[in-house]
Protein backbone atom coordinates (compact mmCIF):
# COMPACT_ATOMS: atom_id res chain seq x y z
CA MET A 1 30.48 7.78 0.51
CA ARG A 2 28.22 10.50 1.99
CA ILE A 3 25.34 11.56 -0.34
CA ARG A 4 22.66 14.03 0.20
CA PHE A 5 19.35 13.16 -1.72
CA ILE A 6 16.91 16.45 -2.05
CA THR A 7 13.19 15.77 -3.21
CA ALA A 8 9.97 17.41 -2.59
CA THR A 9 8.23 14.69 -3.96
CA PRO A 10 5.74 12.49 -1.65
CA MET A 11 7.70 9.70 -0.19
CA ASN A 12 4.42 7.06 -0.78
CA VAL A 13 3.30 5.54 -3.27
CA ALA A 14 -0.03 7.28 -3.30
CA ALA A 15 1.38 10.62 -3.97
CA GLY A 16 4.76 10.06 -5.16
CA SER A 17 4.12 7.40 -7.73
CA GLY A 18 6.82 6.21 -9.69
CA THR A 19 9.30 8.58 -8.66
CA PHE A 20 9.05 7.88 -4.97
CA ALA A 21 9.46 4.15 -5.59
CA GLY A 22 12.68 5.03 -7.73
CA ILE A 23 13.91 7.49 -5.32
CA ALA A 24 13.58 4.95 -2.19
CA THR A 25 14.72 1.83 -4.09
CA LEU A 26 18.01 3.47 -4.93
CA MET A 27 18.37 5.05 -1.58
CA ASN A 28 17.93 1.72 0.33
CA ALA A 29 20.21 -0.33 -2.32
CA LEU A 30 22.82 2.76 -1.97
CA ARG A 31 22.54 2.30 2.08
CA ARG A 32 22.89 -1.50 1.62
CA ALA A 33 26.49 -0.96 -0.51
CA GLY A 34 27.75 1.12 2.25
CA ALA A 35 27.05 4.80 1.23
CA GLU A 36 25.28 6.99 3.91
CA ILE A 37 22.57 8.69 2.80
CA ASP A 38 21.05 12.04 4.09
CA LEU A 39 17.56 12.49 2.85
CA THR A 40 16.12 16.22 2.73
CA THR A 41 12.24 16.63 2.26
CA PRO A 42 10.23 19.46 2.73
CA SER A 43 8.96 20.30 6.71
CA LEU A 44 6.12 22.28 5.50
CA ARG A 45 3.29 20.65 3.90
CA LEU A 46 0.82 23.14 1.92
CA PRO A 47 -2.29 22.69 -0.61
CA VAL A 48 -0.32 23.79 -3.39
CA PHE A 49 1.94 21.82 -4.09
CA THR A 50 3.99 23.93 -6.48
CA ILE A 51 3.96 26.60 -3.86
CA GLU A 52 5.45 24.19 -1.10
CA ARG A 53 7.89 22.86 -3.69
CA LEU A 54 9.50 26.51 -4.52
CA LEU A 55 9.31 27.34 -0.90
CA PHE A 56 11.49 24.32 -0.15
CA ASN A 57 13.73 25.13 -2.64
CA ARG A 58 14.26 28.58 -1.42
CA ARG A 59 14.57 27.53 1.93
CA LEU A 60 17.47 24.70 1.03
CA ARG A 61 20.93 25.32 2.53
CA PRO A 62 24.48 23.62 1.64
CA SER A 63 25.22 20.61 4.10
CA PRO A 64 28.58 18.85 4.88
CA ALA A 65 27.71 16.33 2.79
CA GLY A 66 30.33 15.98 0.04
CA LEU A 67 27.74 15.13 -3.08
CA THR A 68 24.39 16.28 -3.40
CA VAL A 69 21.61 14.68 -5.67
CA GLY A 70 18.65 17.04 -6.47
CA PHE A 71 15.86 15.19 -8.03
CA ASP A 72 13.61 16.63 -10.92
CA MET A 73 13.71 20.07 -9.98
CA ASP A 74 14.45 19.96 -6.21
CA GLY A 75 17.89 21.19 -5.53
CA TYR A 76 18.33 23.94 -8.54
CA THR A 77 18.96 26.49 -5.88
CA LEU A 78 22.20 24.53 -4.48
CA THR A 79 23.65 24.03 -7.97
CA GLY A 80 26.02 27.19 -7.57
CA SER A 81 27.25 26.57 -4.16
CA ALA A 82 30.42 24.55 -3.14
CA GLY A 83 30.67 20.83 -3.61
CA MET A 84 29.70 18.59 -6.49
CA HIS A 85 25.77 18.29 -7.23
CA ILE A 86 23.93 15.96 -9.39
CA ALA A 87 20.63 16.51 -11.47
CA SER A 88 18.62 13.05 -11.25
CA ILE A 89 15.60 13.80 -13.92
CA LYS A 90 13.30 11.09 -13.21
CA GLY A 91 10.39 12.74 -15.45
CA VAL A 92 11.01 15.47 -17.43
CA ILE A 93 8.53 18.36 -16.34
CA ALA A 94 8.27 20.31 -19.90
CA ASP A 95 7.41 16.90 -21.48
CA GLU A 96 4.91 15.96 -19.22
CA MET A 97 3.03 19.13 -19.00
CA ARG A 98 2.37 18.64 -22.65
CA PHE A 99 -0.60 16.83 -21.80
CA GLU A 100 -2.05 19.07 -19.33
CA ARG A 101 -4.50 21.94 -19.66
CA GLY A 102 -5.39 25.17 -17.56
CA ALA A 103 -4.15 25.61 -13.89
CA THR A 104 -2.13 22.03 -13.77
CA ARG A 105 -0.32 23.22 -17.20
CA LEU A 106 0.59 26.70 -15.86
CA THR A 107 1.92 25.18 -12.30
CA MET A 108 4.07 22.52 -14.16
CA SER A 109 5.28 25.05 -16.53
CA ILE A 110 6.73 27.26 -13.62
CA GLN A 111 8.48 23.74 -12.55
CA ALA A 112 9.77 23.54 -15.79
CA ARG A 113 11.64 26.42 -15.31
CA CYS A 114 13.13 25.44 -12.37
CA GLU A 115 14.21 22.04 -13.76
CA ARG A 116 15.58 23.78 -16.76
CA LYS A 117 17.86 25.47 -14.25
CA HIS A 118 18.83 22.86 -12.38
CA VAL A 119 19.60 20.73 -15.73
CA ARG A 120 21.85 23.58 -16.90
CA SER A 121 23.78 24.14 -13.94
CA ALA A 122 24.38 20.85 -12.52
CA GLY A 123 27.72 19.14 -12.78
CA LEU A 124 26.07 15.87 -13.93
CA VAL A 125 22.86 15.14 -15.18
CA LEU A 126 21.38 11.71 -15.02
CA ALA A 127 18.44 10.60 -17.17
CA THR A 128 16.45 7.31 -16.69
CA SER A 129 16.22 6.73 -20.63
CA ARG A 130 17.53 7.50 -24.21
CA TYR A 131 14.07 8.84 -25.09
CA SER A 132 14.32 11.25 -21.59
CA ALA A 133 18.06 12.22 -22.35
CA GLU A 134 16.71 13.25 -26.07
CA ARG A 135 13.68 15.42 -24.30
CA ILE A 136 16.03 16.78 -21.64
CA ALA A 137 18.30 17.99 -24.60
CA ALA A 138 15.45 19.11 -26.85
CA LEU A 139 13.47 21.13 -23.84
CA TYR A 140 15.78 22.50 -21.63
CA GLY A 141 19.45 22.20 -23.95
CA LYS A 142 22.36 20.09 -23.68
CA PRO A 143 23.64 19.55 -20.17
CA ARG A 144 27.45 19.85 -19.29
CA ARG A 145 27.35 16.26 -18.54
CA LEU A 146 24.74 13.73 -19.00
CA ALA A 147 24.64 9.85 -18.49
CA LEU A 148 22.05 7.16 -18.19
CA LEU A 149 20.88 5.58 -15.31
CA PRO A 150 17.83 3.30 -15.23
CA GLU A 151 15.28 2.89 -12.61
CA PRO A 152 15.76 0.25 -10.26
CA ILE A 153 13.82 -2.70 -8.80
CA ASP A 154 14.46 -4.57 -5.73
CA LEU A 155 14.01 -8.46 -7.52
CA GLU A 156 14.74 -10.30 -4.25
CA ALA A 157 11.78 -8.34 -2.56
CA TRP A 158 9.29 -8.22 -5.39
CA GLN A 159 9.97 -11.87 -5.86
CA LYS A 160 9.30 -12.52 -2.10
CA ALA A 161 6.10 -10.72 -2.15
CA LEU A 162 4.81 -12.60 -5.31
CA ASP A 163 5.52 -15.76 -3.85
CA ALA A 164 3.69 -14.81 -0.37
CA ALA A 165 0.64 -13.40 -2.60
CA PRO A 166 -2.67 -16.34 -2.56
CA VAL A 167 -3.26 -17.66 -6.29
CA LEU A 168 -7.00 -17.55 -6.85
CA PRO A 169 -8.66 -20.52 -8.27
CA ALA A 170 -9.40 -20.67 -12.17
CA SER A 171 -12.35 -18.87 -13.23
CA GLY A 172 -12.04 -18.72 -17.20
CA GLU A 173 -11.66 -15.23 -17.08
CA PHE A 174 -9.05 -13.00 -18.86
CA THR A 175 -7.71 -10.34 -16.56
CA VAL A 176 -5.65 -7.41 -17.69
CA LEU A 177 -3.96 -5.54 -14.98
CA SER A 178 -3.09 -1.56 -15.28
CA VAL A 179 -1.21 0.05 -12.42
CA GLY A 180 -0.33 3.66 -12.12
CA ARG A 181 -1.76 7.52 -11.47
CA PHE A 182 -4.35 8.60 -13.42
CA PHE A 183 -3.03 11.46 -15.26
CA PRO A 184 -3.75 12.44 -18.84
CA ARG A 185 -0.84 11.53 -20.45
CA LYS A 186 -1.10 7.56 -18.92
CA ARG A 187 -4.20 7.24 -21.24
CA THR A 188 -6.00 5.02 -19.02
CA SER A 189 -9.27 6.10 -20.78
CA LEU A 190 -7.77 4.22 -24.02
CA LEU A 191 -7.86 0.81 -21.72
CA LEU A 192 -11.50 1.47 -20.94
CA GLU A 193 -12.26 2.02 -24.42
CA ALA A 194 -10.52 -0.84 -25.73
CA ALA A 195 -12.57 -3.29 -22.89
CA ALA A 196 -15.99 -1.68 -24.39
CA ILE A 197 -14.58 -2.77 -28.06
CA LEU A 198 -14.00 -6.11 -26.86
CA ARG A 199 -16.96 -6.86 -24.55
CA HIS A 200 -18.63 -9.22 -26.90
CA ARG A 201 -15.73 -10.40 -28.78
CA LEU A 202 -13.80 -11.38 -25.63
CA PRO A 203 -16.52 -12.09 -22.68
CA GLY A 204 -14.44 -13.35 -20.24
CA LEU A 205 -12.36 -10.02 -20.19
CA ARG A 206 -11.78 -8.36 -16.98
CA VAL A 207 -9.96 -5.08 -16.65
CA ARG A 208 -8.28 -4.00 -13.06
CA LEU A 209 -7.16 -0.76 -12.27
CA VAL A 210 -4.83 0.31 -9.66
CA GLY A 211 -3.88 3.83 -8.84
CA ASP A 212 -5.98 6.94 -8.73
CA GLY A 213 -5.44 10.75 -9.72
CA PRO A 214 -6.63 13.99 -11.00
CA GLU A 215 -8.04 11.66 -13.85
CA GLY A 216 -10.14 9.45 -11.59
CA ALA A 217 -13.56 11.31 -11.47
CA ARG A 218 -13.33 11.43 -15.32
CA LEU A 219 -12.42 7.86 -15.78
CA ARG A 220 -15.39 6.73 -13.48
CA ALA A 221 -17.61 8.86 -15.62
CA LEU A 222 -16.59 6.96 -18.86
CA HIS A 223 -17.00 3.83 -17.14
CA GLN A 224 -20.60 4.60 -16.39
CA ARG A 225 -21.10 6.10 -19.97
CA LEU A 226 -19.76 2.67 -21.54
CA ARG A 227 -21.86 0.95 -19.58
CA LEU A 228 -18.77 -1.70 -18.48
CA GLY A 229 -19.61 -2.64 -15.42
CA ASP A 230 -18.04 -5.40 -13.08
CA ARG A 231 -15.71 -5.89 -16.31
CA VAL A 232 -13.66 -3.09 -15.19
CA VAL A 233 -12.71 -2.70 -11.61
CA PHE A 234 -11.35 0.48 -9.68
CA LEU A 235 -8.84 -0.65 -6.91
CA GLY A 236 -7.70 2.44 -5.92
CA HIS A 237 -3.98 2.80 -3.97
CA ILE A 238 -2.99 -0.72 -2.68
CA GLY A 239 -0.35 -1.82 -0.69
CA GLN A 240 2.59 -3.84 -2.08
CA ALA A 241 1.06 -7.08 -0.60
CA ALA A 242 -2.27 -6.58 -2.62
CA LEU A 243 -0.39 -5.40 -5.48
CA ALA A 244 1.70 -8.36 -5.84
CA ALA A 245 -1.42 -10.54 -5.43
CA GLU A 246 -2.63 -8.46 -8.65
CA PHE A 247 0.42 -9.21 -10.96
CA ARG A 248 0.33 -12.80 -9.42
CA ASN A 249 -2.99 -13.25 -10.78
CA CYS A 250 -3.59 -11.22 -13.97
CA ASP A 251 -3.44 -12.71 -17.10
CA LEU A 252 -1.65 -9.69 -18.83
CA PHE A 253 -0.43 -6.21 -18.08
CA CYS A 254 -1.29 -3.21 -19.85
CA HIS A 255 0.13 0.55 -19.87
CA PRO A 256 -0.89 2.45 -22.79
CA SER A 257 0.87 5.79 -21.32
CA LEU A 258 1.95 8.42 -24.41
CA GLN A 259 4.71 9.54 -22.19
CA GLU A 260 6.67 7.45 -19.98
CA GLY A 261 10.45 8.64 -19.07
CA PHE A 262 10.98 5.15 -18.18
CA GLY A 263 8.07 3.23 -16.43
CA ILE A 264 8.89 1.03 -13.15
CA VAL A 265 5.88 -0.70 -13.56
CA PHE A 266 7.02 -2.25 -16.41
CA LEU A 267 9.74 -3.59 -14.23
CA GLU A 268 7.16 -5.27 -11.66
CA ALA A 269 5.17 -6.62 -14.57
CA MET A 270 8.40 -8.59 -16.07
CA ALA A 271 9.54 -9.84 -12.94
CA ALA A 272 6.27 -11.04 -12.35
CA ARG A 273 6.70 -13.02 -15.62
CA LYS A 274 3.59 -11.26 -17.29
CA PRO A 275 3.02 -10.35 -20.92
CA ILE A 276 2.73 -6.71 -21.42
CA VAL A 277 0.71 -4.61 -24.05
CA ALA A 278 2.12 -1.00 -24.51
CA ALA A 279 1.74 1.88 -26.39
CA ARG A 280 4.73 2.34 -28.82
CA ALA A 281 5.51 5.61 -27.54
CA ALA A 282 8.03 7.54 -25.24
CA ALA A 283 10.32 5.19 -23.39
CA ALA A 284 8.41 1.76 -23.48
CA PRO A 285 9.86 0.53 -26.76
CA GLU A 286 13.13 0.93 -24.96
CA VAL A 287 12.27 -0.87 -21.57
CA VAL A 288 10.21 -3.44 -22.70
CA PRO A 289 11.21 -4.02 -26.42
CA HIS A 290 9.69 -7.63 -26.12
CA ALA A 291 5.97 -6.04 -25.42
CA ARG A 292 3.24 -6.18 -27.73
CA PHE A 293 2.67 -2.59 -29.07
CA ALA A 294 -0.46 -0.82 -29.82
CA ASP A 295 -0.30 2.61 -31.95
CA PRO A 296 -0.74 5.35 -29.92
CA ASP A 297 -3.95 7.13 -28.93
CA SER A 298 -5.66 4.18 -30.62
CA ALA A 299 -8.38 2.13 -28.62
CA ALA A 300 -9.05 -0.08 -31.79
CA SER A 301 -5.17 -0.93 -31.65
CA LEU A 302 -5.13 -1.48 -27.78
CA ALA A 303 -8.21 -3.57 -28.25
CA ALA A 304 -6.55 -5.60 -30.90
CA ALA A 305 -3.37 -6.28 -29.13
CA ILE A 306 -5.01 -7.36 -25.91
CA GLU A 307 -7.07 -9.61 -28.20
CA ALA A 308 -4.22 -11.11 -30.09
CA LEU A 309 -2.57 -11.94 -26.74
CA ALA A 310 -5.88 -13.13 -25.14
CA ALA A 311 -5.94 -15.85 -27.80
CA ASP A 312 -2.15 -16.97 -27.83
CA PRO A 313 -1.40 -18.55 -24.70
CA GLY A 314 2.07 -19.65 -26.16
CA LEU A 315 2.78 -16.12 -27.07
CA ARG A 316 1.88 -14.68 -23.68
CA SER A 317 4.61 -17.30 -22.39
CA HIS A 318 7.15 -16.34 -24.96
CA ILE A 319 6.75 -12.49 -23.92
CA ALA A 320 6.61 -13.18 -20.07
CA ALA A 321 9.85 -15.36 -20.31
CA GLN A 322 11.68 -12.48 -22.27
CA GLY A 323 10.86 -10.14 -19.73
CA ALA A 324 12.05 -12.34 -16.93
CA GLN A 325 15.52 -12.05 -18.36
CA ILE A 326 15.14 -8.31 -19.51
CA VAL A 327 14.55 -7.10 -16.25
CA ARG A 328 17.45 -8.73 -14.44
CA PRO A 329 20.01 -5.88 -15.43
CA TYR A 330 17.63 -3.51 -13.43
CA GLU A 331 18.43 -5.02 -9.90
CA ALA A 332 18.51 -2.36 -7.36
CA ALA A 333 22.33 -3.77 -6.38
CA ALA A 334 23.47 -3.54 -10.08
CA VAL A 335 21.96 0.36 -10.53
CA ALA A 336 23.33 1.31 -7.19
CA ARG A 337 26.63 0.35 -8.22
CA SER A 338 26.45 2.31 -11.82
CA PHE A 339 25.16 5.27 -9.28
CA LEU A 340 28.11 5.26 -7.31
CA GLU A 341 30.76 4.74 -10.16
CA LEU A 342 28.99 7.93 -11.94
CA ALA A 343 29.26 9.83 -8.74
CA ARG A 344 32.70 9.31 -7.96
CA GLU A 345 33.37 10.11 -11.75
CA ALA A 346 31.73 13.41 -11.33
CA VAL A 347 33.31 14.31 -7.76
CA SER A 348 36.86 13.31 -9.16
CA ILE A 349 36.07 15.76 -12.48
CA HIS A 350 34.62 18.33 -9.91
CA ARG A 351 37.53 18.55 -7.85
CA ARG A 352 40.36 18.40 -10.69
CA THR A 353 38.43 21.29 -12.30
CA ALA A 354 38.17 23.10 -8.81
CA GLY A 355 41.83 22.73 -8.41
CA ALA A 356 42.79 23.82 -12.14
CA ASN A 357 40.30 27.04 -11.54
CA LEU A 358 42.19 27.68 -7.92
CA GLN A 359 45.40 27.46 -10.02
CA LYS A 360 44.71 29.84 -12.63
């Protein structure tokens, strides 16, 4: 099967974050399954991503590939052309923009209008979770056809990286790891506030933050105001080997995001057999039902959840073991098979419909 993937998302983890990881992992798994994947990305890079993305979509032209898959808003200009088109929505832009202000909210609103066109005209829309499917329907209208396809993880490759990571000697500290882009909706600030609450109740607490983003300067300023010192370390963007080492040596993974369409970092934490603390919001209860949950937007609740797990090694082991089982269906090969089944069905329906229309 030949498939054209269309995305303006930067194909690197620093700028593309979880969307890049999801697309790249699925693409590699499909190729291993025998599919031919043609990847279409912008050839021109501009300082303003929204302008770059709009121009990229304006310049898109149909290709010989029998099936096209556009990610998020990308590909919306092709949905009326010949052939079958799938809109794969990794993040519902209209949902994400609720947490933004100013120019960022304005540019995201432009992208959301394009994504709405994409959803309403595609032959099939793929959502990563029930939460995302509900938000798509509420914000864009019910698609013609919609199916769920979760994010994938290459468990074999991730396990090899974990096995190769060095194990640090015991230090008596309790290390909390958080990984993700610094956007307002990720609520990394809550983790800093929780660390300040716990500074005396949990003296050995250490928080390690992987990633960066628009909120970086504000988070570092908050770190200074809270006088957290070396209790919290900003690691920036790191490679897979370093990330695996962080996961292998932490005691707990924390992701207090208020808006998560899925959360690939949850898969990485579960595969690393780490207990998880998350906000009871968006797709988190769906993806990590076994996690310890905190009330959304509550630093006190987040601190209490971390403290409870720090005091209970047995509970941490129990949650970690549950996660190792829950993550298995998200193996990349299994998700790729599901994708191909959905794609073949969609192409078949499209051909039958097109044939019926020609006979009228």
